[in-house]
Protein backbone atom coordinates (compact mmCIF):
# COMPACT_ATOMS: atom_id res chain seq x y z
CA MET A 1 0.01 0.02 -0.18
CA PRO A 2 1.63 3.42 -1.10
CA SER A 3 2.39 5.47 1.76
CA ALA A 4 1.18 8.95 2.68
CA THR A 5 4.66 10.64 1.84
CA ASN A 6 4.65 8.67 -1.38
CA VAL A 7 0.99 9.98 -2.33
CA ALA A 8 1.61 13.41 -1.44
CA LYS A 9 5.14 13.43 -3.86
CA SER A 10 2.77 12.25 -7.00
CA LEU A 11 0.38 14.95 -7.01
CA VAL A 12 0.51 17.50 -9.56
CA SER A 13 -1.91 20.82 -9.79
CA ILE A 14 -3.85 21.11 -13.18
CA SER A 15 -2.05 24.72 -12.60
CA GLN A 16 1.15 23.59 -13.61
CA PHE A 17 -0.01 22.59 -16.89
CA ASN A 18 -1.23 26.15 -17.48
CA LYS A 19 1.80 27.43 -16.82
CA GLY A 20 3.65 25.44 -19.41
CA GLN A 21 5.52 22.76 -17.20
CA ALA A 22 3.96 19.57 -19.05
CA SER A 23 6.94 18.43 -20.38
CA ARG A 24 8.44 18.79 -16.85
CA ILE A 25 5.78 17.02 -15.87
CA PHE A 26 6.15 14.21 -18.30
CA ASP A 27 9.79 14.34 -17.65
CA ARG A 28 8.63 12.51 -14.03
CA LEU A 29 7.45 9.74 -15.38
CA HIS A 30 11.03 8.18 -15.60
CA ASN A 31 11.34 7.88 -11.98
CA GLU A 32 7.46 7.69 -10.93
CA SER A 33 5.10 4.96 -11.91
CA GLN A 34 1.74 7.35 -11.93
CA LEU A 35 0.91 11.31 -11.21
CA ILE A 36 -2.32 12.03 -9.80
CA VAL A 37 -3.75 15.63 -11.29
CA LEU A 38 -5.58 17.76 -8.79
CA LYS A 39 -8.04 20.39 -9.86
CA ASN A 40 -9.44 22.58 -7.04
CA ASN A 41 -7.47 20.19 -4.64
CA GLN A 42 -9.74 17.03 -6.00
CA PRO A 43 -7.89 14.06 -7.76
CA THR A 44 -9.21 14.70 -11.47
CA ALA A 45 -6.88 12.58 -13.63
CA PHE A 46 -4.04 9.90 -13.16
CA ILE A 47 -0.97 10.03 -15.49
CA LEU A 48 0.45 6.44 -16.05
CA SER A 49 3.96 5.61 -17.21
CA PRO A 50 4.11 3.37 -20.25
CA THR A 51 5.68 1.02 -17.89
CA GLU A 52 3.04 1.09 -15.17
CA TYR A 53 0.71 1.23 -18.22
CA ASP A 54 1.54 -2.25 -19.52
CA ARG A 55 1.50 -4.04 -15.74
CA LEU A 56 -1.61 -2.82 -15.26
CA THR A 57 -3.32 -3.79 -18.84
CA GLU A 58 -1.23 -7.44 -18.12
CA LEU A 59 -2.59 -7.61 -14.65
CA GLU A 60 -6.25 -7.23 -16.34
CA GLU A 61 -5.74 -9.77 -18.88
CA ASP A 62 -4.64 -12.06 -16.56
CA TYR A 63 -7.43 -11.92 -13.91
CA ALA A 64 -9.48 -12.20 -17.14
CA LEU A 65 -7.87 -15.09 -18.03
CA LEU A 66 -7.92 -16.32 -14.19
CA LEU A 67 -12.04 -15.69 -14.29
CA GLU A 68 -12.44 -17.84 -17.43
CA ALA A 69 -10.49 -20.96 -16.03
CA TYR A 70 -12.61 -20.53 -12.61
CA GLU A 71 -15.56 -20.43 -15.00
CA ARG A 72 -14.36 -23.80 -17.30
CA LEU A 73 -13.84 -25.34 -13.96
CA GLU A 74 -16.66 -25.11 -12.65
CA ARG A 75 -18.75 -25.98 -15.74
CA HIS A 76 -16.50 -29.06 -16.58
CA GLY A 77 -14.82 -29.30 -13.21
CA ASP A 78 -16.45 -33.24 -12.96
CA GLU A 79 -15.67 -34.69 -15.96
CA SER A 80 -12.22 -35.87 -17.36
CA GLY A 81 -10.04 -34.21 -19.56
CA ILE A 82 -8.23 -35.55 -22.88
CA PRO A 83 -4.41 -36.62 -21.61
CA MET A 84 -1.91 -34.72 -23.81
CA ALA A 85 -0.50 -37.62 -25.43
CA ASP A 86 -3.71 -38.64 -26.92
CA VAL A 87 -4.16 -35.45 -28.56
CA MET A 88 -0.48 -35.38 -29.65
CA ALA A 89 -1.17 -38.77 -31.44
CA LEU A 90 -4.74 -37.69 -32.45
CA HIS A 91 -2.63 -34.76 -34.34
CA GLY A 92 0.64 -36.88 -35.47
CA ILE A 93 2.96 -34.54 -32.95
CA THR A 94 5.96 -36.13 -31.55
CA GLU A 95 7.91 -34.93 -28.24
CA SER A 96 10.53 -34.31 -30.61
CA ASP A 97 8.57 -32.14 -32.54
CA LEU A 98 7.77 -30.16 -29.90
CA ASP A 99 11.39 -29.82 -28.59
CA GLU A 100 12.20 -28.44 -32.25
CA ILE A 101 9.93 -25.53 -31.26
CA GLY A 102 10.91 -24.06 -28.32
CA ASP A 103 9.48 -21.35 -26.33
CA VAL A 104 6.29 -19.59 -27.57
CA GLU A 105 4.73 -16.77 -26.11
CA ILE A 106 1.08 -16.86 -25.97
CA GLU A 107 -0.82 -13.46 -26.38
């Protein structure tokens, strides 16, 4: 959980944008993952670094996949699956075929 000090350091007044300091504010994102923009002392917007945006997007995707996996388990939990060896045999795939492919990243 972020500390009050960290949150306070991430606050940016919208008036700083009006004073032409946008470039300096965006440069802060090299060291900080997010900034909180205040208007009339109220949080109005969050600015995320590209790294933080990617991290949060990955979390969202992982969560969606987790929910899908749970839903599938609930729907088919009592059913037995098909052994991998049977699926490989059905499609004519051997262990050496898999070894030749190497690591694959699934998006």
